[in-house]
Full PDB file with SEQRES, HELIX, SHEET, SSBOND, CRYST1, ORIGX, SCALE, CONECT and MASTER records, all heavy atoms in Angstrom:
SEQRES   1 A   44  GLN THR LEU SER ALA ALA PHE GLN ARG ALA ILE GLN MET          
SEQRES   2 A   44  PRO GLY MET PHE ALA ALA LEU VAL LEU GLN GLY GLY PHE          
SEQRES   3 A   44  THR PRO ASP PRO THR ALA VAL GLU VAL GLU GLY GLY GLY          
SEQRES   4 A   44  ALA PHE GLU ALA ALA                                          
HELIX    1 AA1 THR A    2  ILE A   11  1                                  10    
CRYST1    1.000    1.000    1.000  90.00  90.00  90.00 P 1           1          
ORIGX1      1.000000  0.000000  0.000000        0.00000                         
ORIGX2      0.000000  1.000000  0.000000        0.00000                         
ORIGX3      0.000000  0.000000  1.000000        0.00000                         
SCALE1      1.000000  0.000000  0.000000        0.00000                         
SCALE2      0.000000  1.000000  0.000000        0.00000                         
SCALE3      0.000000  0.000000  1.000000        0.00000                         
ATOM      1  N   GLN A   1     -25.543 -17.910  18.434  1.00  0.00           N  
ATOM      2  CA  GLN A   1     -24.692 -18.956  18.982  1.00  0.00           C  
ATOM      3  C   GLN A   1     -23.661 -19.377  17.842  1.00  0.00           C  
ATOM      4  O   GLN A   1     -22.481 -19.640  18.059  1.00  0.00           O  
ATOM      5  CB  GLN A   1     -25.432 -20.146  19.474  1.00  0.00           C  
ATOM      6  CG  GLN A   1     -26.219 -19.802  20.814  1.00  0.00           C  
ATOM      7  CD  GLN A   1     -27.126 -20.941  21.176  1.00  0.00           C  
ATOM      8  OE1 GLN A   1     -27.512 -21.765  20.368  1.00  0.00           O  
ATOM      9  NE2 GLN A   1     -27.501 -20.921  22.427  1.00  0.00           N  
ATOM     10  N   THR A   2     -24.241 -19.540  16.584  1.00  0.00           N  
ATOM     11  CA  THR A   2     -23.342 -19.930  15.430  1.00  0.00           C  
ATOM     12  C   THR A   2     -22.279 -18.912  15.235  1.00  0.00           C  
ATOM     13  O   THR A   2     -21.114 -19.219  15.009  1.00  0.00           O  
ATOM     14  CB  THR A   2     -24.204 -20.151  14.196  1.00  0.00           C  
ATOM     15  OG1 THR A   2     -25.229 -21.186  14.449  1.00  0.00           O  
ATOM     16  CG2 THR A   2     -23.361 -20.554  13.062  1.00  0.00           C  
ATOM     17  N   LEU A   3     -22.677 -17.611  15.254  1.00  0.00           N  
ATOM     18  CA  LEU A   3     -21.690 -16.546  15.077  1.00  0.00           C  
ATOM     19  C   LEU A   3     -20.652 -16.637  16.140  1.00  0.00           C  
ATOM     20  O   LEU A   3     -19.461 -16.449  15.846  1.00  0.00           O  
ATOM     21  CB  LEU A   3     -22.446 -15.240  15.027  1.00  0.00           C  
ATOM     22  CG  LEU A   3     -21.545 -13.954  14.832  1.00  0.00           C  
ATOM     23  CD1 LEU A   3     -20.991 -14.009  13.461  1.00  0.00           C  
ATOM     24  CD2 LEU A   3     -22.453 -12.724  15.010  1.00  0.00           C  
ATOM     25  N   SER A   4     -21.036 -16.790  17.391  1.00  0.00           N  
ATOM     26  CA  SER A   4     -20.144 -16.782  18.431  1.00  0.00           C  
ATOM     27  C   SER A   4     -19.192 -17.990  18.346  1.00  0.00           C  
ATOM     28  O   SER A   4     -17.987 -17.874  18.498  1.00  0.00           O  
ATOM     29  CB  SER A   4     -20.910 -16.934  19.798  1.00  0.00           C  
ATOM     30  OG  SER A   4     -20.022 -17.002  20.854  1.00  0.00           O  
ATOM     31  N   ALA A   5     -19.701 -19.162  17.970  1.00  0.00           N  
ATOM     32  CA  ALA A   5     -18.933 -20.344  17.803  1.00  0.00           C  
ATOM     33  C   ALA A   5     -17.872 -20.186  16.674  1.00  0.00           C  
ATOM     34  O   ALA A   5     -16.681 -20.532  16.817  1.00  0.00           O  
ATOM     35  CB  ALA A   5     -19.827 -21.541  17.488  1.00  0.00           C  
ATOM     36  N   ALA A   6     -18.329 -19.492  15.577  1.00  0.00           N  
ATOM     37  CA  ALA A   6     -17.391 -19.248  14.508  1.00  0.00           C  
ATOM     38  C   ALA A   6     -16.305 -18.336  14.944  1.00  0.00           C  
ATOM     39  O   ALA A   6     -15.095 -18.592  14.590  1.00  0.00           O  
ATOM     40  CB  ALA A   6     -18.172 -18.660  13.297  1.00  0.00           C  
ATOM     41  N   PHE A   7     -16.605 -17.324  15.678  1.00  0.00           N  
ATOM     42  CA  PHE A   7     -15.527 -16.397  16.095  1.00  0.00           C  
ATOM     43  C   PHE A   7     -14.714 -16.997  17.108  1.00  0.00           C  
ATOM     44  O   PHE A   7     -13.474 -16.701  17.219  1.00  0.00           O  
ATOM     45  CB  PHE A   7     -16.139 -15.111  16.550  1.00  0.00           C  
ATOM     46  CG  PHE A   7     -15.163 -13.962  16.589  1.00  0.00           C  
ATOM     47  CD1 PHE A   7     -14.841 -13.299  15.396  1.00  0.00           C  
ATOM     48  CD2 PHE A   7     -14.437 -13.593  17.695  1.00  0.00           C  
ATOM     49  CE1 PHE A   7     -13.863 -12.297  15.334  1.00  0.00           C  
ATOM     50  CE2 PHE A   7     -13.483 -12.617  17.702  1.00  0.00           C  
ATOM     51  CZ  PHE A   7     -13.201 -11.926  16.539  1.00  0.00           C  
ATOM     52  N   GLN A   8     -15.269 -17.904  17.993  1.00  0.00           N  
ATOM     53  CA  GLN A   8     -14.462 -18.563  18.960  1.00  0.00           C  
ATOM     54  C   GLN A   8     -13.350 -19.388  18.284  1.00  0.00           C  
ATOM     55  O   GLN A   8     -12.250 -19.518  18.716  1.00  0.00           O  
ATOM     56  CB  GLN A   8     -15.271 -19.459  19.901  1.00  0.00           C  
ATOM     57  CG  GLN A   8     -16.154 -18.675  20.866  1.00  0.00           C  
ATOM     58  CD  GLN A   8     -15.212 -17.963  21.889  1.00  0.00           C  
ATOM     59  OE1 GLN A   8     -14.096 -18.425  22.251  1.00  0.00           O  
ATOM     60  NE2 GLN A   8     -15.647 -16.836  22.413  1.00  0.00           N  
ATOM     61  N   ARG A   9     -13.711 -20.019  17.122  1.00  0.00           N  
ATOM     62  CA  ARG A   9     -12.798 -20.815  16.422  1.00  0.00           C  
ATOM     63  C   ARG A   9     -11.712 -19.922  15.828  1.00  0.00           C  
ATOM     64  O   ARG A   9     -10.524 -20.258  15.817  1.00  0.00           O  
ATOM     65  CB  ARG A   9     -13.525 -21.614  15.343  1.00  0.00           C  
ATOM     66  CG  ARG A   9     -14.318 -22.797  15.786  1.00  0.00           C  
ATOM     67  CD  ARG A   9     -14.713 -23.706  14.611  1.00  0.00           C  
ATOM     68  NE  ARG A   9     -15.570 -23.024  13.698  1.00  0.00           N  
ATOM     69  CZ  ARG A   9     -16.883 -23.038  13.740  1.00  0.00           C  
ATOM     70  NH1 ARG A   9     -17.494 -23.543  14.851  1.00  0.00           N  
ATOM     71  NH2 ARG A   9     -17.686 -22.338  12.913  1.00  0.00           N  
ATOM     72  N   ALA A  10     -12.119 -18.675  15.374  1.00  0.00           N  
ATOM     73  CA  ALA A  10     -11.169 -17.775  14.813  1.00  0.00           C  
ATOM     74  C   ALA A  10     -10.159 -17.338  15.828  1.00  0.00           C  
ATOM     75  O   ALA A  10      -8.977 -17.115  15.603  1.00  0.00           O  
ATOM     76  CB  ALA A  10     -11.904 -16.542  14.281  1.00  0.00           C  
ATOM     77  N   ILE A  11     -10.634 -17.114  17.084  1.00  0.00           N  
ATOM     78  CA  ILE A  11      -9.744 -16.749  18.181  1.00  0.00           C  
ATOM     79  C   ILE A  11      -8.621 -17.715  18.404  1.00  0.00           C  
ATOM     80  O   ILE A  11      -7.525 -17.357  18.793  1.00  0.00           O  
ATOM     81  CB  ILE A  11     -10.620 -16.507  19.452  1.00  0.00           C  
ATOM     82  CG1 ILE A  11     -11.430 -15.232  19.284  1.00  0.00           C  
ATOM     83  CG2 ILE A  11      -9.700 -16.383  20.682  1.00  0.00           C  
ATOM     84  CD1 ILE A  11     -12.513 -15.082  20.451  1.00  0.00           C  
ATOM     85  N   GLN A  12      -8.982 -18.955  18.227  1.00  0.00           N  
ATOM     86  CA  GLN A  12      -7.984 -20.055  18.482  1.00  0.00           C  
ATOM     87  C   GLN A  12      -6.925 -20.183  17.373  1.00  0.00           C  
ATOM     88  O   GLN A  12      -5.894 -20.836  17.565  1.00  0.00           O  
ATOM     89  CB  GLN A  12      -8.694 -21.382  18.653  1.00  0.00           C  
ATOM     90  CG  GLN A  12      -9.709 -21.410  19.791  1.00  0.00           C  
ATOM     91  CD  GLN A  12      -9.228 -20.885  21.107  1.00  0.00           C  
ATOM     92  OE1 GLN A  12      -8.138 -21.273  21.446  1.00  0.00           O  
ATOM     93  NE2 GLN A  12     -10.051 -20.056  21.782  1.00  0.00           N  
ATOM     94  N   MET A  13      -7.074 -19.499  16.279  1.00  0.00           N  
ATOM     95  CA  MET A  13      -6.169 -19.577  15.227  1.00  0.00           C  
ATOM     96  C   MET A  13      -4.917 -18.789  15.488  1.00  0.00           C  
ATOM     97  O   MET A  13      -4.946 -17.825  16.219  1.00  0.00           O  
ATOM     98  CB  MET A  13      -6.825 -19.028  13.934  1.00  0.00           C  
ATOM     99  CG  MET A  13      -8.040 -19.756  13.490  1.00  0.00           C  
ATOM    100  SD  MET A  13      -7.671 -21.404  12.863  1.00  0.00           S  
ATOM    101  CE  MET A  13      -6.724 -21.129  11.381  1.00  0.00           C  
ATOM    102  N   PRO A  14      -3.751 -19.256  15.009  1.00  0.00           N  
ATOM    103  CA  PRO A  14      -2.554 -18.481  15.113  1.00  0.00           C  
ATOM    104  C   PRO A  14      -2.652 -17.168  14.367  1.00  0.00           C  
ATOM    105  O   PRO A  14      -3.510 -16.978  13.501  1.00  0.00           O  
ATOM    106  CB  PRO A  14      -1.412 -19.291  14.516  1.00  0.00           C  
ATOM    107  CG  PRO A  14      -2.165 -20.243  13.591  1.00  0.00           C  
ATOM    108  CD  PRO A  14      -3.570 -20.405  14.181  1.00  0.00           C  
ATOM    109  N   GLY A  15      -1.792 -16.166  14.712  1.00  0.00           N  
ATOM    110  CA  GLY A  15      -1.893 -14.924  14.015  1.00  0.00           C  
ATOM    111  C   GLY A  15      -1.698 -15.011  12.580  1.00  0.00           C  
ATOM    112  O   GLY A  15      -0.802 -15.772  12.111  1.00  0.00           O  
ATOM    113  N   MET A  16      -2.461 -14.224  11.786  1.00  0.00           N  
ATOM    114  CA  MET A  16      -2.341 -14.317  10.333  1.00  0.00           C  
ATOM    115  C   MET A  16      -1.025 -13.812   9.849  1.00  0.00           C  
ATOM    116  O   MET A  16      -0.459 -14.270   8.887  1.00  0.00           O  
ATOM    117  CB  MET A  16      -3.518 -13.512   9.662  1.00  0.00           C  
ATOM    118  CG  MET A  16      -3.437 -13.541   8.191  1.00  0.00           C  
ATOM    119  SD  MET A  16      -4.994 -12.820   7.478  1.00  0.00           S  
ATOM    120  CE  MET A  16      -6.169 -14.113   7.839  1.00  0.00           C  
ATOM    121  N   PHE A  17      -0.479 -12.737  10.582  1.00  0.00           N  
ATOM    122  CA  PHE A  17       0.813 -12.110  10.141  1.00  0.00           C  
ATOM    123  C   PHE A  17       1.988 -12.523  11.043  1.00  0.00           C  
ATOM    124  O   PHE A  17       3.144 -12.359  10.640  1.00  0.00           O  
ATOM    125  CB  PHE A  17       0.639 -10.624  10.125  1.00  0.00           C  
ATOM    126  CG  PHE A  17      -0.393 -10.169   9.101  1.00  0.00           C  
ATOM    127  CD1 PHE A  17      -1.672  -9.896   9.468  1.00  0.00           C  
ATOM    128  CD2 PHE A  17      -0.026 -10.025   7.768  1.00  0.00           C  
ATOM    129  CE1 PHE A  17      -2.631  -9.515   8.521  1.00  0.00           C  
ATOM    130  CE2 PHE A  17      -0.955  -9.579   6.800  1.00  0.00           C  
ATOM    131  CZ  PHE A  17      -2.329  -9.350   7.205  1.00  0.00           C  
ATOM    132  N   ALA A  18       1.627 -12.901  12.298  1.00  0.00           N  
ATOM    133  CA  ALA A  18       2.733 -13.375  13.147  1.00  0.00           C  
ATOM    134  C   ALA A  18       2.183 -14.059  14.362  1.00  0.00           C  
ATOM    135  O   ALA A  18       1.063 -13.687  14.899  1.00  0.00           O  
ATOM    136  CB  ALA A  18       3.612 -12.207  13.601  1.00  0.00           C  
ATOM    137  N   ALA A  19       2.842 -15.188  14.827  1.00  0.00           N  
ATOM    138  CA  ALA A  19       2.482 -15.835  16.095  1.00  0.00           C  
ATOM    139  C   ALA A  19       3.698 -15.719  16.918  1.00  0.00           C  
ATOM    140  O   ALA A  19       4.625 -16.518  16.815  1.00  0.00           O  
ATOM    141  CB  ALA A  19       2.114 -17.281  15.808  1.00  0.00           C  
ATOM    142  N   LEU A  20       3.677 -14.759  17.826  1.00  0.00           N  
ATOM    143  CA  LEU A  20       4.841 -14.422  18.616  1.00  0.00           C  
ATOM    144  C   LEU A  20       4.864 -15.256  19.934  1.00  0.00           C  
ATOM    145  O   LEU A  20       3.826 -15.558  20.501  1.00  0.00           O  
ATOM    146  CB  LEU A  20       4.903 -12.942  19.003  1.00  0.00           C  
ATOM    147  CG  LEU A  20       4.916 -11.951  17.831  1.00  0.00           C  
ATOM    148  CD1 LEU A  20       4.754 -10.548  18.310  1.00  0.00           C  
ATOM    149  CD2 LEU A  20       6.108 -12.137  16.943  1.00  0.00           C  
ATOM    150  N   VAL A  21       6.046 -15.596  20.347  1.00  0.00           N  
ATOM    151  CA  VAL A  21       6.300 -16.233  21.735  1.00  0.00           C  
ATOM    152  C   VAL A  21       7.297 -15.375  22.401  1.00  0.00           C  
ATOM    153  O   VAL A  21       8.506 -15.363  21.974  1.00  0.00           O  
ATOM    154  CB  VAL A  21       6.735 -17.744  21.585  1.00  0.00           C  
ATOM    155  CG1 VAL A  21       6.913 -18.334  22.946  1.00  0.00           C  
ATOM    156  CG2 VAL A  21       5.710 -18.501  20.755  1.00  0.00           C  
ATOM    157  N   LEU A  22       6.905 -14.684  23.436  1.00  0.00           N  
ATOM    158  CA  LEU A  22       7.788 -13.775  24.158  1.00  0.00           C  
ATOM    159  C   LEU A  22       7.696 -14.003  25.703  1.00  0.00           C  
ATOM    160  O   LEU A  22       6.679 -14.453  26.165  1.00  0.00           O  
ATOM    161  CB  LEU A  22       7.462 -12.310  23.860  1.00  0.00           C  
ATOM    162  CG  LEU A  22       7.566 -11.855  22.325  1.00  0.00           C  
ATOM    163  CD1 LEU A  22       7.063 -10.463  22.221  1.00  0.00           C  
ATOM    164  CD2 LEU A  22       8.963 -11.986  21.790  1.00  0.00           C  
ATOM    165  N   GLN A  23       8.727 -13.623  26.334  1.00  0.00           N  
ATOM    166  CA  GLN A  23       8.684 -13.617  27.814  1.00  0.00           C  
ATOM    167  C   GLN A  23       9.257 -12.289  28.315  1.00  0.00           C  
ATOM    168  O   GLN A  23       9.923 -11.568  27.583  1.00  0.00           O  
ATOM    169  CB  GLN A  23       9.409 -14.779  28.426  1.00  0.00           C  
ATOM    170  CG  GLN A  23      10.909 -14.772  28.240  1.00  0.00           C  
ATOM    171  CD  GLN A  23      11.567 -15.984  28.912  1.00  0.00           C  
ATOM    172  OE1 GLN A  23      10.986 -17.090  28.831  1.00  0.00           O  
ATOM    173  NE2 GLN A  23      12.742 -15.803  29.402  1.00  0.00           N  
ATOM    174  N   GLY A  24       8.936 -11.968  29.578  1.00  0.00           N  
ATOM    175  CA  GLY A  24       9.441 -10.669  30.098  1.00  0.00           C  
ATOM    176  C   GLY A  24      10.873 -10.425  29.882  1.00  0.00           C  
ATOM    177  O   GLY A  24      11.703 -11.364  30.041  1.00  0.00           O  
ATOM    178  N   GLY A  25      11.247  -9.147  29.485  1.00  0.00           N  
ATOM    179  CA  GLY A  25      12.671  -8.929  29.143  1.00  0.00           C  
ATOM    180  C   GLY A  25      12.975  -9.209  27.726  1.00  0.00           C  
ATOM    181  O   GLY A  25      14.151  -9.235  27.416  1.00  0.00           O  
ATOM    182  N   PHE A  26      11.955  -9.426  26.843  1.00  0.00           N  
ATOM    183  CA  PHE A  26      12.255  -9.814  25.492  1.00  0.00           C  
ATOM    184  C   PHE A  26      13.040  -8.685  24.771  1.00  0.00           C  
ATOM    185  O   PHE A  26      12.926  -7.482  25.053  1.00  0.00           O  
ATOM    186  CB  PHE A  26      10.927 -10.121  24.770  1.00  0.00           C  
ATOM    187  CG  PHE A  26       9.885  -8.965  24.738  1.00  0.00           C  
ATOM    188  CD1 PHE A  26       9.971  -7.982  23.730  1.00  0.00           C  
ATOM    189  CD2 PHE A  26       8.941  -8.921  25.675  1.00  0.00           C  
ATOM    190  CE1 PHE A  26       9.073  -6.979  23.729  1.00  0.00           C  
ATOM    191  CE2 PHE A  26       7.964  -7.896  25.686  1.00  0.00           C  
ATOM    192  CZ  PHE A  26       8.071  -6.894  24.681  1.00  0.00           C  
ATOM    193  N   THR A  27      13.699  -9.149  23.675  1.00  0.00           N  
ATOM    194  CA  THR A  27      14.350  -8.254  22.717  1.00  0.00           C  
ATOM    195  C   THR A  27      14.048  -8.790  21.291  1.00  0.00           C  
ATOM    196  O   THR A  27      13.907  -9.997  21.135  1.00  0.00           O  
ATOM    197  CB  THR A  27      15.884  -8.164  22.941  1.00  0.00           C  
ATOM    198  OG1 THR A  27      16.371  -9.509  22.846  1.00  0.00           O  
ATOM    199  CG2 THR A  27      16.224  -7.573  24.312  1.00  0.00           C  
ATOM    200  N   PRO A  28      13.965  -7.876  20.372  1.00  0.00           N  
ATOM    201  CA  PRO A  28      14.088  -6.388  20.538  1.00  0.00           C  
ATOM    202  C   PRO A  28      12.801  -5.869  21.150  1.00  0.00           C  
ATOM    203  O   PRO A  28      11.763  -6.494  21.189  1.00  0.00           O  
ATOM    204  CB  PRO A  28      14.129  -5.934  19.034  1.00  0.00           C  
ATOM    205  CG  PRO A  28      13.435  -7.011  18.248  1.00  0.00           C  
ATOM    206  CD  PRO A  28      13.778  -8.286  18.957  1.00  0.00           C  
ATOM    207  N   ASP A  29      13.029  -4.776  21.804  1.00  0.00           N  
ATOM    208  CA  ASP A  29      11.925  -4.043  22.478  1.00  0.00           C  
ATOM    209  C   ASP A  29      11.919  -2.611  21.963  1.00  0.00           C  
ATOM    210  O   ASP A  29      12.848  -1.892  22.239  1.00  0.00           O  
ATOM    211  CB  ASP A  29      12.069  -4.064  23.991  1.00  0.00           C  
ATOM    212  CG  ASP A  29      10.869  -3.445  24.690  1.00  0.00           C  
ATOM    213  OD1 ASP A  29      10.099  -2.781  24.094  1.00  0.00           O  
ATOM    214  OD2 ASP A  29      10.812  -3.654  25.956  1.00  0.00           O  
ATOM    215  N   PRO A  30      10.881  -2.200  21.108  1.00  0.00           N  
ATOM    216  CA  PRO A  30       9.726  -2.995  20.894  1.00  0.00           C  
ATOM    217  C   PRO A  30       9.916  -4.090  19.783  1.00  0.00           C  
ATOM    218  O   PRO A  30      10.748  -3.947  18.886  1.00  0.00           O  
ATOM    219  CB  PRO A  30       8.740  -1.904  20.368  1.00  0.00           C  
ATOM    220  CG  PRO A  30       9.595  -0.898  19.720  1.00  0.00           C  
ATOM    221  CD  PRO A  30      10.879  -0.855  20.587  1.00  0.00           C  
ATOM    222  N   THR A  31       9.050  -5.135  19.893  1.00  0.00           N  
ATOM    223  CA  THR A  31       8.979  -6.101  18.788  1.00  0.00           C  
ATOM    224  C   THR A  31       7.864  -5.644  17.852  1.00  0.00           C  
ATOM    225  O   THR A  31       6.752  -5.294  18.325  1.00  0.00           O  
ATOM    226  CB  THR A  31       8.636  -7.479  19.375  1.00  0.00           C  
ATOM    227  OG1 THR A  31       9.768  -8.004  20.041  1.00  0.00           O  
ATOM    228  CG2 THR A  31       8.310  -8.450  18.270  1.00  0.00           C  
ATOM    229  N   ALA A  32       8.132  -5.585  16.523  1.00  0.00           N  
ATOM    230  CA  ALA A  32       7.183  -5.012  15.640  1.00  0.00           C  
ATOM    231  C   ALA A  32       6.796  -6.083  14.573  1.00  0.00           C  
ATOM    232  O   ALA A  32       7.517  -6.968  14.212  1.00  0.00           O  
ATOM    233  CB  ALA A  32       7.830  -3.901  14.898  1.00  0.00           C  
ATOM    234  N   VAL A  33       5.499  -5.963  14.177  1.00  0.00           N  
ATOM    235  CA  VAL A  33       4.964  -6.847  13.112  1.00  0.00           C  
ATOM    236  C   VAL A  33       4.224  -6.014  12.130  1.00  0.00           C  
ATOM    237  O   VAL A  33       3.386  -5.194  12.498  1.00  0.00           O  
ATOM    238  CB  VAL A  33       3.960  -7.931  13.768  1.00  0.00           C  
ATOM    239  CG1 VAL A  33       3.420  -8.786  12.614  1.00  0.00           C  
ATOM    240  CG2 VAL A  33       4.741  -8.763  14.812  1.00  0.00           C  
ATOM    241  N   GLU A  34       4.519  -6.178  10.853  1.00  0.00           N  
ATOM    242  CA  GLU A  34       3.815  -5.570   9.753  1.00  0.00           C  
ATOM    243  C   GLU A  34       2.532  -6.298   9.439  1.00  0.00           C  
ATOM    244  O   GLU A  34       2.610  -7.534   9.230  1.00  0.00           O  
ATOM    245  CB  GLU A  34       4.668  -5.420   8.486  1.00  0.00           C  
ATOM    246  CG  GLU A  34       6.031  -4.697   8.785  1.00  0.00           C  
ATOM    247  CD  GLU A  34       5.843  -3.197   9.135  1.00  0.00           C  
ATOM    248  OE1 GLU A  34       4.885  -2.626   8.732  1.00  0.00           O  
ATOM    249  OE2 GLU A  34       6.746  -2.663   9.763  1.00  0.00           O  
ATOM    250  N   VAL A  35       1.393  -5.604   9.424  1.00  0.00           N  
ATOM    251  CA  VAL A  35       0.131  -6.302   9.120  1.00  0.00           C  
ATOM    252  C   VAL A  35      -0.632  -5.414   8.191  1.00  0.00           C  
ATOM    253  O   VAL A  35      -0.320  -4.318   7.818  1.00  0.00           O  
ATOM    254  CB  VAL A  35      -0.694  -6.440  10.436  1.00  0.00           C  
ATOM    255  CG1 VAL A  35       0.095  -7.144  11.487  1.00  0.00           C  
ATOM    256  CG2 VAL A  35      -1.264  -5.096  10.932  1.00  0.00           C  
ATOM    257  N   GLU A  36      -1.748  -6.008   7.700  1.00  0.00           N  
ATOM    258  CA  GLU A  36      -2.778  -5.306   6.931  1.00  0.00           C  
ATOM    259  C   GLU A  36      -4.068  -5.290   7.804  1.00  0.00           C  
ATOM    260  O   GLU A  36      -4.542  -6.378   8.151  1.00  0.00           O  
ATOM    261  CB  GLU A  36      -3.008  -5.905   5.578  1.00  0.00           C  
ATOM    262  CG  GLU A  36      -1.857  -5.774   4.628  1.00  0.00           C  
ATOM    263  CD  GLU A  36      -2.098  -6.364   3.330  1.00  0.00           C  
ATOM    264  OE1 GLU A  36      -3.200  -6.995   3.185  1.00  0.00           O  
ATOM    265  OE2 GLU A  36      -1.278  -6.266   2.411  1.00  0.00           O  
ATOM    266  N   GLY A  37      -4.527  -4.146   8.243  1.00  0.00           N  
ATOM    267  CA  GLY A  37      -5.707  -4.075   9.161  1.00  0.00           C  
ATOM    268  C   GLY A  37      -6.982  -4.175   8.444  1.00  0.00           C  
ATOM    269  O   GLY A  37      -7.078  -4.200   7.194  1.00  0.00           O  
ATOM    270  N   GLY A  38      -8.005  -4.298   9.273  1.00  0.00           N  
ATOM    271  CA  GLY A  38      -9.399  -4.290   8.697  1.00  0.00           C  
ATOM    272  C   GLY A  38      -9.931  -5.633   8.467  1.00  0.00           C  
ATOM    273  O   GLY A  38      -9.286  -6.688   8.762  1.00  0.00           O  
ATOM    274  N   GLY A  39     -11.155  -5.629   8.013  1.00  0.00           N  
ATOM    275  CA  GLY A  39     -11.934  -6.887   7.798  1.00  0.00           C  
ATOM    276  C   GLY A  39     -13.455  -6.580   7.767  1.00  0.00           C  
ATOM    277  O   GLY A  39     -13.777  -5.466   7.639  1.00  0.00           O  
ATOM    278  N   ALA A  40     -14.241  -7.621   7.893  1.00  0.00           N  
ATOM    279  CA  ALA A  40     -15.655  -7.454   7.777  1.00  0.00           C  
ATOM    280  C   ALA A  40     -16.416  -7.612   9.062  1.00  0.00           C  
ATOM    281  O   ALA A  40     -17.583  -7.443   9.122  1.00  0.00           O  
ATOM    282  CB  ALA A  40     -16.230  -8.403   6.752  1.00  0.00           C  
ATOM    283  N   PHE A  41     -15.739  -8.041  10.148  1.00  0.00           N  
ATOM    284  CA  PHE A  41     -16.336  -8.312  11.428  1.00  0.00           C  
ATOM    285  C   PHE A  41     -16.436  -7.089  12.298  1.00  0.00           C  
ATOM    286  O   PHE A  41     -15.404  -6.354  12.459  1.00  0.00           O  
ATOM    287  CB  PHE A  41     -15.598  -9.412  12.136  1.00  0.00           C  
ATOM    288  CG  PHE A  41     -16.269  -9.907  13.378  1.00  0.00           C  
ATOM    289  CD1 PHE A  41     -17.092 -11.014  13.297  1.00  0.00           C  
ATOM    290  CD2 PHE A  41     -16.098  -9.355  14.629  1.00  0.00           C  
ATOM    291  CE1 PHE A  41     -17.782 -11.540  14.433  1.00  0.00           C  
ATOM    292  CE2 PHE A  41     -16.753  -9.811  15.714  1.00  0.00           C  
ATOM    293  CZ  PHE A  41     -17.583 -10.852  15.626  1.00  0.00           C  
ATOM    294  N   GLU A  42     -17.584  -6.711  12.772  1.00  0.00           N  
ATOM    295  CA  GLU A  42     -17.781  -5.573  13.643  1.00  0.00           C  
ATOM    296  C   GLU A  42     -17.229  -5.780  15.017  1.00  0.00           C  
ATOM    297  O   GLU A  42     -17.658  -6.670  15.767  1.00  0.00           O  
ATOM    298  CB  GLU A  42     -19.268  -5.199  13.738  1.00  0.00           C  
ATOM    299  CG  GLU A  42     -19.908  -4.704  12.443  1.00  0.00           C  
ATOM    300  CD  GLU A  42     -19.418  -3.316  12.015  1.00  0.00           C  
ATOM    301  OE1 GLU A  42     -18.884  -2.615  12.911  1.00  0.00           O  
ATOM    302  OE2 GLU A  42     -19.590  -2.988  10.877  1.00  0.00           O  
ATOM    303  N   ALA A  43     -16.235  -4.952  15.378  1.00  0.00           N  
ATOM    304  CA  ALA A  43     -15.543  -5.185  16.693  1.00  0.00           C  
ATOM    305  C   ALA A  43     -16.542  -4.901  17.837  1.00  0.00           C  
ATOM    306  O   ALA A  43     -16.332  -5.444  18.877  1.00  0.00           O  
ATOM    307  CB  ALA A  43     -14.352  -4.243  16.754  1.00  0.00           C  
ATOM    308  N   ALA A  44     -17.483  -4.044  17.582  1.00  0.00           N  
ATOM    309  CA  ALA A  44     -18.417  -3.686  18.692  1.00  0.00           C  
ATOM    310  C   ALA A  44     -19.298  -4.962  19.114  1.00  0.00           C  
ATOM    311  O   ALA A  44     -19.816  -5.008  20.146  1.00  0.00           O  
ATOM    312  CB  ALA A  44     -19.372  -2.603  18.224  1.00  0.00           C  
TER     313      ALA A  44                                                      
MASTER        0    0    0    1    0    0    0    6  312    1    0    4          
END                                                                             
């Protein structure tokens, strides 16, 4: 439950590299964001 609560808090955080606000018909299309992938949390 603690692990879930911690990750639920993480989910609510804005994007580390970008917090986008778009609506249908957005430009540029595609919209691109440069990030650094990976981390220590198991996606499974």
